[in-house]
Amino acid sequence: MHDFYRQFVRSDAAERHYVVVARLVTVLLFVCSSATVYLLDTAKDAFDIILQIGAGTGLLYLVRWFWWRVNAWSEIAAMTSSFVMALAFFIAGAVIGTAHLPWWLGLPSLPAIGLGQALGVPAAILATLSALGLVALLTALVGAFALAARTEHLQGQVLSRGVVAQQAARAGIEYAITRVGNQDPRWRWLADGREYHWDYAGAQVVVRIVDEQGKVDLNMADAGLLASLLQVLGSDPRQAAQLAAAILDWRDPDPLTQPAGGAEDPDYAAAGRAYGAADAPLESVAEVEQVLGMTPALYARLAPHVTVYSGRERPDPAFASAEVLAAMGLDAPRILAQRQAWTPASGRPPPLLPDGQPLVGNDSGTYSIDSRARLRGRTAVLRVVVRSGGNGLPGSAWTALRWEEGASSR
């Protein structure tokens, strides 16, 4: 029912339908088997029929572990052809045997010989047990080999799908850069964090693009914006203000502590750190993890919303996330709803902010791109920051500023 009828005949029926069909098939099999009984003389004849029908599938069952093209239809074809050939040989043998029956009866024959009579009962029992043990040993060896081959084949399939999914995620990055820079509004993707779905080589790819202008620049934002963002992400006001001041102390060149607290070299030494404030702009987002007061959990929440590449004191609302919009004091749900409802292909003017500013910005050419590809149970995640434009290599259309493979989905 599940292997054939539901998969190949009718796959969209209700469960009640499959139950009824299964019962009918059971009754039909019972009737057919009852009728077949009258065609058999001994139980051996039943085993002969089973062997004849299954003779063509043995090799196929081994091959399917190594060749992906072997499927259910291959097994059905093998069983059908095996049954037809067995039936043909049976008919041919019956006709030939009947025609030459006197000749067959005239052939000399040996009387039946029992192991007990030939070897004695103890030796016969030992010989029988030895033969059965040898068969069991060979069966175990073949089974172990088949299991090992099956396991290695499945591992190879998993690794293969993982590699293909990884390349599909890489293709999502390339495709996103092409679409976000397309001048035709019908085909241009917006870098405001919305998801775009794309099918590529059998993989389902989901791409998110965020212009770095929509993030809080750790090197340019003031303490107020940083503290507000930290509060939106779950920090209490006092902790947020002190950590924002510590970020400013990390990047400014002077040894003076910020009024809100902050942290300079003596504070790091007192905390047992082997380093002090860098007194220089942050070179990467990950560098903020070293700032005194930053925790791994807080950094995980903060990282998607900050950058070191925009050079802006305040983010552009056209590309900002809900958390950044809230930190800027804007109505995040309303702005996000307006952005999601508008596309350049609509031909309508872009929505406006409360102050009358159009909710659309010019791309900076520097983007965070999150590409996730799923292929038959395997998921590959590629998270990068790229800048449009060549990097000196022949044929290059963009420069990678950050590259993260094998990341877990956020």
Protein backbone atom coordinates (compact mmCIF):
# COMPACT_ATOMS: atom_id res chain seq x y z
CA MET A 1 0.00 0.00 0.00
CA HIS A 2 2.60 2.59 1.08
CA ASP A 3 5.38 1.35 -1.21
CA PHE A 4 3.37 1.16 -4.43
CA TYR A 5 -0.25 2.34 -4.42
CA ARG A 6 0.19 5.45 -2.29
CA GLN A 7 3.46 6.45 -3.94
CA PHE A 8 2.71 5.76 -7.61
CA VAL A 9 -1.06 5.36 -8.09
CA ARG A 10 -2.82 7.86 -5.84
CA SER A 11 -0.88 10.00 -3.39
CA ASP A 12 -3.49 12.64 -2.48
CA ALA A 13 -6.36 10.52 -1.08
CA ALA A 14 -7.71 10.52 2.46
CA GLU A 15 -6.53 7.96 5.01
CA ARG A 16 -9.96 6.27 4.91
CA HIS A 17 -9.46 5.56 1.20
CA TYR A 18 -6.13 3.81 1.82
CA VAL A 19 -7.63 1.70 4.61
CA VAL A 20 -10.46 0.52 2.31
CA VAL A 21 -8.04 -0.28 -0.53
CA ALA A 22 -5.74 -2.18 1.87
CA ARG A 23 -8.65 -4.31 3.06
CA LEU A 24 -9.73 -5.06 -0.51
CA VAL A 25 -6.17 -6.04 -1.46
CA THR A 26 -6.00 -8.32 1.58
CA VAL A 27 -9.23 -10.08 0.52
CA LEU A 28 -7.96 -10.37 -3.07
CA LEU A 29 -4.66 -11.88 -1.91
CA PHE A 30 -6.57 -14.36 0.26
CA VAL A 31 -8.76 -15.44 -2.68
CA CYS A 32 -5.74 -15.77 -5.01
CA SER A 33 -3.74 -17.76 -2.47
CA SER A 34 -6.72 -20.04 -1.81
CA ALA A 35 -7.06 -20.74 -5.53
CA THR A 36 -3.33 -21.35 -5.88
CA VAL A 37 -3.40 -24.04 -3.20
CA TYR A 38 -5.31 -26.38 -5.54
CA LEU A 39 -2.51 -26.09 -8.09
CA LEU A 40 0.17 -27.31 -5.66
CA ASP A 41 0.89 -30.89 -4.68
CA THR A 42 3.35 -30.30 -1.81
CA ALA A 43 4.64 -27.47 0.36
CA LYS A 44 7.85 -27.63 -1.67
CA ASP A 45 5.94 -26.37 -4.70
CA ALA A 46 5.06 -23.19 -2.78
CA PHE A 47 8.72 -22.59 -1.93
CA ASP A 48 9.65 -23.19 -5.57
CA ILE A 49 7.21 -20.49 -6.69
CA ILE A 50 8.61 -18.05 -4.13
CA LEU A 51 12.16 -18.75 -5.27
CA GLN A 52 11.20 -18.39 -8.92
CA ILE A 53 9.51 -15.03 -8.38
CA GLY A 54 12.34 -13.68 -6.21
CA ALA A 55 15.19 -15.05 -8.31
CA GLY A 56 15.56 -11.82 -10.28
CA THR A 57 15.62 -9.47 -7.29
CA GLY A 58 18.57 -10.77 -5.28
CA LEU A 59 21.25 -9.03 -7.29
CA LEU A 60 19.04 -5.93 -7.55
CA TYR A 61 18.79 -5.65 -3.77
CA LEU A 62 22.60 -5.55 -3.59
CA VAL A 63 22.99 -3.10 -6.47
CA ARG A 64 20.50 -0.59 -5.05
CA TRP A 65 22.88 0.10 -2.14
CA PHE A 66 25.47 1.40 -4.59
CA TRP A 67 23.45 2.81 -7.51
CA TRP A 68 20.88 5.51 -6.84
CA ARG A 69 18.97 4.83 -10.06
CA VAL A 70 17.61 1.53 -8.68
CA ASN A 71 14.13 2.32 -7.36
CA ALA A 72 10.79 0.62 -6.70
CA TRP A 73 10.01 0.34 -10.41
CA SER A 74 13.28 -1.53 -10.93
CA GLU A 75 12.28 -4.07 -8.27
CA ILE A 76 8.81 -4.48 -9.77
CA ALA A 77 10.30 -5.03 -13.22
CA ALA A 78 12.76 -7.58 -11.84
CA MET A 79 10.02 -9.53 -10.02
CA THR A 80 7.71 -9.44 -13.04
CA SER A 81 10.36 -10.55 -15.52
CA SER A 82 11.53 -13.26 -13.11
CA PHE A 83 7.99 -14.59 -12.76
CA VAL A 84 7.40 -14.54 -16.52
CA MET A 85 10.68 -16.36 -17.20
CA ALA A 86 9.95 -18.92 -14.47
CA LEU A 87 6.48 -19.51 -15.91
CA ALA A 88 7.91 -19.89 -19.42
CA PHE A 89 10.52 -22.42 -18.26
CA PHE A 90 7.88 -24.27 -16.26
CA ILE A 91 5.61 -24.61 -19.29
CA ALA A 92 8.49 -25.53 -21.58
CA GLY A 93 9.78 -28.10 -19.09
CA ALA A 94 6.34 -29.63 -18.65
CA VAL A 95 5.84 -29.95 -22.42
CA ILE A 96 9.31 -31.37 -23.05
CA GLY A 97 9.14 -33.63 -20.02
CA THR A 98 5.76 -35.05 -21.07
CA ALA A 99 6.95 -35.70 -24.60
CA HIS A 100 10.03 -37.61 -23.35
CA LEU A 101 8.52 -39.21 -20.24
CA PRO A 102 9.37 -42.82 -21.20
CA TRP A 103 12.99 -41.82 -21.77
CA TRP A 104 13.15 -40.06 -18.40
CA LEU A 105 11.64 -43.09 -16.66
CA GLY A 106 14.21 -45.36 -18.28
CA LEU A 107 17.20 -43.53 -16.84
CA PRO A 108 19.03 -45.32 -14.00
CA SER A 109 18.54 -43.87 -10.54
CA LEU A 110 20.20 -44.28 -7.16
CA PRO A 111 18.26 -45.24 -4.06
CA ALA A 112 17.79 -42.64 -1.33
CA ILE A 113 20.70 -42.48 1.09
CA GLY A 114 20.36 -41.14 4.63
CA LEU A 115 23.23 -39.63 6.58
CA GLY A 116 22.24 -41.70 9.56
CA GLN A 117 22.57 -44.91 7.61
CA ALA A 118 25.81 -43.90 5.87
CA LEU A 119 27.66 -42.25 8.78
CA GLY A 120 25.80 -43.27 11.87
CA VAL A 121 23.48 -41.10 13.93
CA PRO A 122 26.12 -39.18 15.97
CA ALA A 123 28.23 -38.39 12.88
CA ALA A 124 25.11 -37.44 10.90
CA ILE A 125 24.01 -35.02 13.62
CA LEU A 126 27.50 -33.51 13.75
CA ALA A 127 27.63 -33.15 9.96
CA THR A 128 24.20 -31.50 9.89
CA LEU A 129 25.11 -29.06 12.67
CA SER A 130 28.41 -28.26 10.96
CA ALA A 131 26.63 -27.52 7.68
CA LEU A 132 24.05 -25.33 9.42
CA GLY A 133 26.82 -23.49 11.32
CA LEU A 134 28.71 -22.87 8.10
CA VAL A 135 25.58 -21.52 6.45
CA ALA A 136 24.91 -19.29 9.47
CA LEU A 137 28.52 -18.02 9.42
CA LEU A 138 28.37 -17.23 5.71
CA THR A 139 25.02 -15.51 6.23
CA ALA A 140 26.46 -13.39 9.04
CA LEU A 141 29.49 -12.44 6.93
CA VAL A 142 27.36 -11.48 3.96
CA GLY A 143 24.98 -9.57 6.25
CA ALA A 144 27.83 -7.72 7.92
CA PHE A 145 29.33 -6.80 4.56
CA ALA A 146 25.95 -5.65 3.27
CA LEU A 147 25.36 -3.58 6.42
CA ALA A 148 28.80 -1.98 6.19
CA ALA A 149 28.31 -1.25 2.50
CA ARG A 150 24.88 0.21 3.19
CA THR A 151 26.23 2.41 5.99
CA GLU A 152 29.10 3.69 3.85
CA HIS A 153 26.72 4.35 0.99
CA LEU A 154 24.38 6.38 3.24
CA GLN A 155 27.34 8.31 4.65
CA GLY A 156 28.50 9.07 1.14
CA GLN A 157 25.03 10.29 0.19
CA VAL A 158 24.87 12.56 3.25
CA LEU A 159 28.31 14.03 2.51
CA SER A 160 27.46 14.44 -1.17
CA ARG A 161 24.21 16.24 -0.40
CA GLY A 162 26.05 18.44 2.11
CA VAL A 163 28.61 19.48 -0.51
CA VAL A 164 25.90 20.17 -3.09
CA ALA A 165 23.88 22.16 -0.56
CA GLN A 166 26.99 24.17 0.36
CA GLN A 167 27.57 25.04 -3.28
CA ALA A 168 23.89 25.94 -3.67
CA ALA A 169 24.26 28.35 -0.73
CA ARG A 170 27.32 29.82 -2.46
CA ALA A 171 25.25 30.19 -5.63
CA GLY A 172 22.67 32.04 -3.52
CA ILE A 173 25.32 34.61 -2.60
CA GLU A 174 26.31 35.12 -6.23
CA TYR A 175 22.69 35.34 -7.35
CA ALA A 176 21.78 37.79 -4.57
CA ILE A 177 24.60 40.15 -5.57
CA THR A 178 23.36 40.03 -9.16
CA ARG A 179 19.73 40.69 -8.24
CA VAL A 180 20.38 43.44 -5.68
CA GLY A 181 22.38 45.38 -8.27
CA ASN A 182 19.87 44.91 -11.09
CA GLN A 183 18.67 48.22 -12.47
CA ASP A 184 15.35 46.78 -13.63
CA PRO A 185 12.87 47.28 -10.75
CA ARG A 186 11.00 44.13 -11.77
CA TRP A 187 14.02 42.00 -10.96
CA ARG A 188 15.82 43.98 -8.26
CA TRP A 189 15.95 42.51 -4.77
CA LEU A 190 15.78 44.93 -1.85
CA ALA A 191 18.48 44.88 0.83
CA ASP A 192 16.10 45.46 3.73
CA GLY A 193 16.17 42.00 5.31
CA ARG A 194 13.18 40.42 3.59
CA GLU A 195 13.50 36.78 2.52
CA TYR A 196 13.78 35.72 -1.10
CA HIS A 197 13.18 32.09 -2.12
CA TRP A 198 14.98 30.52 -5.05
CA ASP A 199 15.16 26.97 -6.42
CA TYR A 200 18.57 25.99 -7.70
CA ALA A 201 19.68 22.54 -8.89
CA GLY A 202 17.04 20.80 -6.78
CA ALA A 203 17.91 22.77 -3.63
CA GLN A 204 15.61 25.28 -1.93
CA VAL A 205 17.62 28.43 -1.27
CA VAL A 206 16.48 31.21 1.07
CA VAL A 207 18.40 34.48 0.85
CA ARG A 208 18.29 37.55 3.11
CA ILE A 209 20.14 40.73 2.16
CA VAL A 210 20.74 43.65 4.52
CA ASP A 211 22.54 46.81 3.49
CA GLU A 212 25.17 47.65 6.10
CA GLN A 213 23.70 51.17 6.26
CA GLY A 214 20.77 49.66 8.16
CA LYS A 215 22.99 48.59 11.06
CA VAL A 216 24.50 50.48 13.99
CA ASP A 217 28.14 51.26 13.26
CA LEU A 218 30.20 50.41 16.34
CA ASN A 219 32.85 52.97 15.32
CA MET A 220 30.46 55.87 14.64
CA ALA A 221 27.36 55.52 16.83
CA ASP A 222 27.12 57.64 19.98
CA ALA A 223 26.66 56.22 23.45
CA GLY A 224 22.94 56.98 23.46
CA LEU A 225 22.18 54.89 20.36
CA LEU A 226 24.40 52.03 21.52
CA ALA A 227 22.79 52.00 24.97
CA SER A 228 19.30 52.11 23.46
CA LEU A 229 20.08 49.16 21.19
CA LEU A 230 21.47 47.16 24.11
CA GLN A 231 18.31 47.86 26.11
CA VAL A 232 16.12 46.70 23.20
CA LEU A 233 18.16 43.48 23.16
CA GLY A 234 17.46 42.80 26.82
CA SER A 235 20.08 44.64 28.89
CA ASP A 236 18.97 46.72 31.87
CA PRO A 237 19.48 50.50 31.50
CA ARG A 238 22.46 50.73 33.86
CA GLN A 239 24.29 47.80 32.27
CA ALA A 240 23.49 49.10 28.77
CA ALA A 241 24.83 52.59 29.54
CA GLN A 242 28.04 51.22 31.07
CA LEU A 243 28.67 48.80 28.20
CA ALA A 244 28.00 51.50 25.60
CA ALA A 245 30.55 53.72 27.36
CA ALA A 246 33.04 50.81 27.41
CA ILE A 247 32.64 50.46 23.63
CA LEU A 248 33.42 54.18 23.24
CA ASP A 249 36.48 53.81 25.50
CA TRP A 250 37.61 50.85 23.42
CA ARG A 251 37.60 52.84 20.19
CA ASP A 252 38.66 56.34 21.31
CA PRO A 253 42.42 57.14 21.46
CA ASP A 254 42.47 58.76 24.91
CA PRO A 255 42.97 57.01 28.27
CA LEU A 256 40.04 58.84 29.90
CA THR A 257 37.02 56.87 31.10
CA GLN A 258 33.56 57.89 29.89
CA PRO A 259 31.27 59.65 32.39
CA ALA A 260 28.80 56.73 32.33
CA GLY A 261 31.50 54.35 33.51
CA GLY A 262 33.24 52.80 30.55
CA ALA A 263 36.45 50.79 30.81
CA GLU A 264 40.09 51.71 30.22
CA ASP A 265 43.30 49.74 30.77
CA PRO A 266 43.17 49.78 34.62
CA ASP A 267 39.63 48.36 34.54
CA TYR A 268 40.69 45.48 32.28
CA ALA A 269 43.67 44.77 34.53
CA ALA A 270 41.43 44.77 37.60
CA ALA A 271 39.11 42.28 35.86
CA GLY A 272 42.06 39.94 35.22
CA ARG A 273 42.22 40.58 31.49
CA ALA A 274 45.61 40.26 29.79
CA TYR A 275 44.82 43.18 27.50
CA GLY A 276 43.45 46.67 27.72
CA ALA A 277 41.30 48.94 25.59
CA ALA A 278 42.42 49.00 21.94
CA ASP A 279 42.16 52.82 21.73
CA ALA A 280 41.48 52.38 18.00
CA PRO A 281 38.44 51.75 15.80
CA LEU A 282 37.07 48.22 15.80
CA GLU A 283 38.26 46.21 12.81
CA SER A 284 35.44 43.66 12.96
CA VAL A 285 32.14 43.11 14.71
CA ALA A 286 33.61 40.14 16.59
CA GLU A 287 36.14 42.45 18.25
CA VAL A 288 33.38 43.87 20.45
CA GLU A 289 33.36 40.55 22.33
CA GLN A 290 36.60 41.67 24.00
CA VAL A 291 35.00 44.79 25.46
CA LEU A 292 34.66 44.57 29.23
CA GLY A 293 31.08 43.71 30.17
CA MET A 294 30.16 41.96 26.91
CA THR A 295 28.84 38.41 27.40
CA PRO A 296 28.54 35.64 24.76
CA ALA A 297 24.74 35.63 25.02
CA LEU A 298 24.49 39.40 24.58
CA TYR A 299 26.97 39.34 21.69
CA ALA A 300 24.89 36.68 19.90
CA ARG A 301 21.87 39.00 20.08
CA LEU A 302 23.87 42.12 19.17
CA ALA A 303 25.96 40.86 16.23
CA PRO A 304 23.20 40.80 13.54
CA HIS A 305 22.40 44.48 14.16
CA VAL A 306 25.85 46.11 14.21
CA THR A 307 28.58 46.74 11.67
CA VAL A 308 31.95 48.41 11.20
CA TYR A 309 31.51 49.13 7.48
CA SER A 310 28.77 51.76 7.08
CA GLY A 311 30.58 54.87 8.39
CA ARG A 312 27.22 56.35 9.46
CA GLU A 313 26.41 57.87 12.83
CA ARG A 314 22.79 56.71 12.52
CA PRO A 315 21.42 53.79 10.50
CA ASP A 316 19.22 54.24 7.45
CA PRO A 317 15.62 53.29 8.40
CA ALA A 318 15.07 51.94 4.88
CA PHE A 319 17.30 48.95 5.70
CA ALA A 320 17.19 48.76 9.52
CA SER A 321 15.85 45.77 11.46
CA ALA A 322 13.02 46.01 13.98
CA GLU A 323 15.50 46.15 16.87
CA VAL A 324 17.50 48.98 15.29
CA LEU A 325 14.33 50.91 14.43
CA ALA A 326 13.16 50.59 18.03
CA ALA A 327 16.56 51.78 19.28
CA MET A 328 16.19 54.83 17.02
CA GLY A 329 12.82 55.60 18.62
CA LEU A 330 10.77 54.76 15.52
CA ASP A 331 7.56 52.74 15.18
CA ALA A 332 9.20 49.47 14.09
CA PRO A 333 6.05 47.36 13.37
CA ARG A 334 4.49 50.06 11.18
CA ILE A 335 7.69 50.77 9.24
CA LEU A 336 8.37 47.08 8.64
CA ALA A 337 4.81 46.55 7.43
CA GLN A 338 5.18 49.48 5.02
CA ARG A 339 8.47 48.13 3.70
CA GLN A 340 7.13 44.62 3.19
CA ALA A 341 4.09 45.94 1.32
CA TRP A 342 6.13 47.99 -1.15
CA THR A 343 8.39 46.87 -3.98
CA PRO A 344 9.97 48.89 -6.80
CA ALA A 345 8.07 46.76 -9.33
CA SER A 346 4.72 48.00 -7.99
CA GLY A 347 5.18 51.38 -9.64
CA ARG A 348 3.85 53.14 -6.55
CA PRO A 349 5.88 55.78 -4.69
CA PRO A 350 7.76 54.51 -1.63
CA PRO A 351 6.13 54.93 1.80
CA LEU A 352 7.06 57.89 4.00
CA LEU A 353 8.48 58.18 7.50
CA PRO A 354 6.59 60.31 10.04
CA ASP A 355 8.86 63.27 9.20
CA GLY A 356 7.97 62.97 5.50
CA GLN A 357 11.25 61.32 4.45
CA PRO A 358 10.74 58.58 1.81
CA LEU A 359 11.28 55.12 3.25
CA VAL A 360 13.75 54.16 0.56
CA GLY A 361 17.51 54.48 0.48
CA ASN A 362 20.36 54.22 -1.94
CA ASP A 363 22.30 50.99 -1.61
CA SER A 364 25.80 51.44 -0.23
CA GLY A 365 27.15 48.44 -2.11
CA THR A 366 28.13 46.70 1.14
CA TYR A 367 25.74 43.95 2.17
CA SER A 368 25.26 41.25 4.76
CA ILE A 369 23.91 38.21 2.95
CA ASP A 370 22.52 35.13 4.70
CA SER A 371 22.09 32.22 2.26
CA ARG A 372 20.51 28.95 3.44
CA ALA A 373 20.20 25.99 1.07
CA ARG A 374 18.25 22.82 1.85
CA LEU A 375 18.67 19.65 -0.21
CA ARG A 376 16.94 16.39 0.76
CA GLY A 377 17.34 16.85 4.49
CA ARG A 378 20.72 18.58 4.44
CA THR A 379 20.97 22.31 5.21
CA ALA A 380 23.96 24.52 4.45
CA VAL A 381 24.26 28.05 5.82
CA LEU A 382 26.57 30.69 4.43
CA ARG A 383 26.72 34.10 6.11
CA VAL A 384 28.91 36.78 4.51
CA VAL A 385 29.54 40.50 4.26
CA VAL A 386 30.50 41.58 0.75
CA ARG A 387 31.24 44.82 -1.04
CA SER A 388 30.28 45.22 -4.68
CA GLY A 389 33.16 45.85 -7.01
CA GLY A 390 36.28 44.07 -8.09
CA ASN A 391 39.11 43.17 -5.76
CA GLY A 392 41.95 43.03 -8.26
CA LEU A 393 41.33 39.42 -9.28
CA PRO A 394 40.31 38.82 -12.90
CA GLY A 395 36.55 38.52 -13.24
CA SER A 396 35.78 39.41 -9.63
CA ALA A 397 32.54 41.36 -9.11
CA TRP A 398 32.68 41.70 -5.33
CA THR A 399 35.02 41.63 -2.34
CA ALA A 400 34.41 39.45 0.71
CA LEU A 401 34.76 41.35 3.99
CA ARG A 402 33.56 38.50 6.21
CA TRP A 403 32.92 34.85 5.37
CA GLU A 404 31.23 32.38 7.71
CA GLU A 405 30.50 28.81 6.57
CA GLY A 406 28.75 26.04 8.40
CA ALA A 407 26.99 28.50 10.68
CA SER A 408 23.78 27.60 12.47
CA SER A 409 20.65 29.42 11.36
CA ARG A 410 19.68 32.46 13.40
